[in-house]
Amino acid sequence: MQKRTLETRARLVAVATDLVAEQGYAALRTEEVVKRAGVAKGTFFAHFKDKDALMDILIGTAIDRQLDQMAQKAAPETVADLVALHAPLLTVMTQERYVFDVILRLSGAAAIAEIGVIATTFERYHRLATRWFETGHFRRDIDAELQAEGLQAFLTQAMALHFCALHRSQPMAQRMQLYLQAWLQPNV
């Protein structure tokens, strides 16, 4: 890519990041992004297939920042440690229903054709969790990768129920504690 093309793309992402900080993800409109970036709407679509492609970068980058912080911390030794370690990540992923919906659509679970930033963060998270279980104090009757897959599934379920009117009364951390205790330390 030419330098100018990279600069334009970076400007579009920076403007979108500022708009999200001001208004939230759901309120972001491509018209406002191009207006503030000083480019034509066609320029936006030359860089991003659609608004979801931009959201993939914005949300995926926010998730990556959380994963960076999680990777710097010691491996969790208890279910309570796991729940506490995940709190900032889950806050990012559930800050708006729209964000959670985009994550689900672009995580790779929907068999999308292209692997984007969000899908990449899910793979990165899986590798990180697998490392925790290889060295941690959890189950030994199943391998670390299966434990990591289960953790990811339970986290997704806890987040989904966070948005459910019938189940919202139970805090996510409490729900995760229940799920993870049963999954990772079933005999305790």
Protein backbone atom coordinates (compact mmCIF):
# COMPACT_ATOMS: atom_id res chain seq x y z
CA MET A 1 0.00 0.00 0.00
CA GLN A 2 1.11 3.52 -0.67
CA LYS A 3 1.90 5.84 2.22
CA ARG A 4 -1.06 8.08 1.42
CA THR A 5 -3.45 5.13 1.41
CA LEU A 6 -2.16 3.98 4.80
CA GLU A 7 -2.46 7.50 6.18
CA THR A 8 -6.05 7.81 4.97
CA ARG A 9 -6.99 4.47 6.50
CA ALA A 10 -5.31 5.43 9.78
CA ARG A 11 -7.19 8.76 9.77
CA LEU A 12 -10.51 6.98 9.25
CA VAL A 13 -9.77 4.60 12.14
CA ALA A 14 -8.64 7.47 14.39
CA VAL A 15 -11.75 9.52 13.64
CA ALA A 16 -13.97 6.50 14.24
CA THR A 17 -12.17 5.82 17.54
CA ASP A 18 -12.81 9.41 18.64
CA LEU A 19 -16.47 9.20 17.64
CA VAL A 20 -16.91 5.96 19.57
CA ALA A 21 -15.36 7.61 22.64
CA GLU A 22 -17.86 10.47 22.29
CA GLN A 23 -21.02 8.60 21.31
CA GLY A 24 -20.52 4.85 21.69
CA TYR A 25 -20.27 2.13 19.09
CA ALA A 26 -23.97 1.84 18.21
CA ALA A 27 -24.18 5.55 17.39
CA LEU A 28 -21.25 5.46 14.96
CA ARG A 29 -22.31 6.40 11.41
CA THR A 30 -20.10 6.14 8.36
CA GLU A 31 -21.38 9.54 7.20
CA GLU A 32 -19.98 11.18 10.34
CA VAL A 33 -16.66 9.32 9.99
CA VAL A 34 -16.10 10.51 6.41
CA LYS A 35 -17.24 14.03 7.24
CA ARG A 36 -14.80 14.38 10.16
CA ALA A 37 -12.00 12.65 8.26
CA GLY A 38 -12.52 15.00 5.31
CA VAL A 39 -12.87 12.23 2.72
CA ALA A 40 -15.55 11.09 0.32
CA LYS A 41 -17.85 8.23 1.22
CA GLY A 42 -16.34 6.22 -1.62
CA THR A 43 -12.96 6.56 0.04
CA PHE A 44 -14.37 4.95 3.18
CA PHE A 45 -15.63 2.00 1.15
CA ALA A 46 -12.31 1.72 -0.67
CA HIS A 47 -10.76 0.99 2.75
CA PHE A 48 -13.58 -0.93 4.46
CA LYS A 49 -16.05 -3.32 2.88
CA ASP A 50 -18.76 -2.00 5.21
CA LYS A 51 -19.28 -0.58 8.68
CA ASP A 52 -18.74 -4.04 10.22
CA ALA A 53 -15.22 -4.12 8.77
CA LEU A 54 -14.43 -0.90 10.61
CA MET A 55 -16.09 -2.21 13.78
CA ASP A 56 -13.99 -5.35 13.52
CA ILE A 57 -10.87 -3.21 13.79
CA LEU A 58 -12.18 -0.92 16.54
CA ILE A 59 -13.64 -3.64 18.78
CA GLY A 60 -10.89 -6.13 18.01
CA THR A 61 -8.27 -3.56 19.01
CA ALA A 62 -10.07 -2.94 22.31
CA ILE A 63 -10.17 -6.68 22.99
CA ASP A 64 -6.49 -7.01 22.08
CA ARG A 65 -5.59 -4.31 24.63
CA GLN A 66 -7.35 -6.32 27.32
CA LEU A 67 -5.61 -9.51 26.23
CA ASP A 68 -2.26 -7.69 26.43
CA GLN A 69 -3.00 -6.84 30.06
CA MET A 70 -4.23 -10.35 30.86
CA ALA A 71 -1.11 -11.90 29.34
CA GLN A 72 1.10 -9.80 31.64
CA LYS A 73 -0.52 -11.19 34.77
CA ALA A 74 0.32 -14.40 36.58
CA ALA A 75 -1.66 -17.48 35.62
CA PRO A 76 -4.84 -17.69 37.71
CA GLU A 77 -4.75 -20.33 40.44
CA THR A 78 -8.40 -20.38 41.45
CA VAL A 79 -11.78 -19.91 39.83
CA ALA A 80 -12.11 -16.62 41.73
CA ASP A 81 -8.78 -15.52 40.17
CA LEU A 82 -10.10 -16.43 36.71
CA VAL A 83 -13.31 -14.48 37.23
CA ALA A 84 -11.44 -11.41 38.49
CA LEU A 85 -8.92 -11.61 35.64
CA HIS A 86 -11.75 -11.58 33.09
CA ALA A 87 -13.72 -8.66 34.55
CA PRO A 88 -12.09 -5.89 32.44
CA LEU A 89 -12.33 -7.97 29.25
CA LEU A 90 -16.01 -8.72 29.83
CA THR A 91 -16.68 -5.06 30.55
CA VAL A 92 -15.29 -4.18 27.11
CA MET A 93 -17.19 -6.98 25.39
CA THR A 94 -20.54 -6.15 27.04
CA GLN A 95 -20.36 -2.37 27.22
CA GLU A 96 -23.14 -2.19 24.62
CA ARG A 97 -25.46 -4.84 23.25
CA TYR A 98 -24.33 -3.73 19.79
CA VAL A 99 -20.68 -4.51 20.65
CA PHE A 100 -21.56 -7.99 21.85
CA ASP A 101 -23.62 -8.61 18.70
CA VAL A 102 -20.72 -7.54 16.46
CA ILE A 103 -18.35 -9.77 18.41
CA LEU A 104 -20.62 -12.76 17.93
CA ARG A 105 -21.03 -12.07 14.21
CA LEU A 106 -17.33 -11.58 13.57
CA SER A 107 -15.79 -14.06 16.02
CA GLY A 108 -15.54 -16.79 13.43
CA ALA A 109 -18.42 -18.71 14.98
CA ALA A 110 -20.65 -17.63 12.14
CA ALA A 111 -18.33 -19.17 9.53
CA ILE A 112 -17.38 -15.85 7.98
CA ALA A 113 -15.22 -16.04 4.91
CA GLU A 114 -12.48 -13.70 6.11
CA ILE A 115 -10.64 -13.83 9.39
CA GLY A 116 -10.65 -10.37 10.89
CA VAL A 117 -9.31 -8.76 14.03
CA ILE A 118 -12.08 -10.04 16.32
CA ALA A 119 -11.72 -13.62 15.12
CA THR A 120 -7.98 -13.35 15.64
CA THR A 121 -8.52 -12.17 19.23
CA PHE A 122 -10.62 -15.27 19.92
CA GLU A 123 -7.75 -17.47 18.76
CA ARG A 124 -5.28 -15.44 20.78
CA TYR A 125 -7.49 -15.75 23.86
CA HIS A 126 -7.72 -19.52 23.36
CA ARG A 127 -3.90 -19.82 23.28
CA LEU A 128 -3.61 -17.68 26.43
CA ALA A 129 -6.22 -19.71 28.33
CA THR A 130 -4.60 -22.97 27.21
CA ARG A 131 -1.31 -21.80 28.75
CA TRP A 132 -3.10 -21.04 32.03
CA PHE A 133 -4.55 -24.53 32.15
CA GLU A 134 -1.28 -26.22 31.25
CA THR A 135 0.33 -24.75 34.36
CA GLY A 136 -2.68 -24.07 36.57
CA HIS A 137 -4.40 -25.80 39.43
CA PHE A 138 -7.49 -26.98 37.66
CA ARG A 139 -8.71 -30.25 36.19
CA ARG A 140 -6.19 -32.84 35.10
CA ASP A 141 -8.66 -35.35 33.61
CA ILE A 142 -9.04 -33.34 30.36
CA ASP A 143 -6.45 -31.50 28.33
CA ALA A 144 -5.76 -27.78 28.60
CA GLU A 145 -7.17 -27.01 25.14
CA LEU A 146 -10.54 -28.51 26.01
CA GLN A 147 -10.56 -26.57 29.27
CA ALA A 148 -9.85 -23.37 27.31
CA GLU A 149 -12.67 -24.12 24.86
CA GLY A 150 -15.06 -24.69 27.73
CA LEU A 151 -13.96 -21.48 29.41
CA GLN A 152 -14.60 -19.55 26.21
CA ALA A 153 -18.03 -21.13 25.84
CA PHE A 154 -19.01 -20.34 29.42
CA LEU A 155 -17.81 -16.75 29.09
CA THR A 156 -19.90 -16.32 25.95
CA GLN A 157 -22.93 -17.80 27.71
CA ALA A 158 -22.47 -15.52 30.73
CA MET A 159 -22.24 -12.48 28.46
CA ALA A 160 -25.30 -13.53 26.46
CA LEU A 161 -27.36 -13.96 29.62
CA HIS A 162 -26.19 -10.53 30.76
CA PHE A 163 -28.40 -9.13 27.98
CA CYS A 164 -31.34 -11.46 28.65
CA ALA A 165 -34.25 -9.89 30.54
CA LEU A 166 -35.03 -13.21 32.25
CA HIS A 167 -31.48 -13.71 33.57
CA ARG A 168 -30.02 -10.24 33.97
CA SER A 169 -30.62 -10.12 37.73
CA GLN A 170 -27.62 -12.40 38.35
CA PRO A 171 -24.31 -10.55 37.91
CA MET A 172 -21.97 -11.91 35.26
CA ALA A 173 -19.20 -12.55 37.80
CA GLN A 174 -21.54 -14.64 39.95
CA ARG A 175 -22.74 -16.63 36.94
CA MET A 176 -19.16 -17.18 35.79
CA GLN A 177 -18.14 -18.34 39.27
CA LEU A 178 -20.88 -20.99 39.16
CA TYR A 179 -20.08 -22.17 35.64
CA LEU A 180 -16.33 -22.24 36.08
CA GLN A 181 -16.41 -23.93 39.45
CA ALA A 182 -18.50 -26.74 37.96
CA TRP A 183 -16.34 -26.94 34.81
CA LEU A 184 -12.83 -26.54 36.19
CA GLN A 185 -13.04 -27.94 39.71
CA PRO A 186 -15.98 -30.34 39.67
CA ASN A 187 -14.86 -32.42 42.66
CA VAL A 188 -14.22 -29.47 44.96
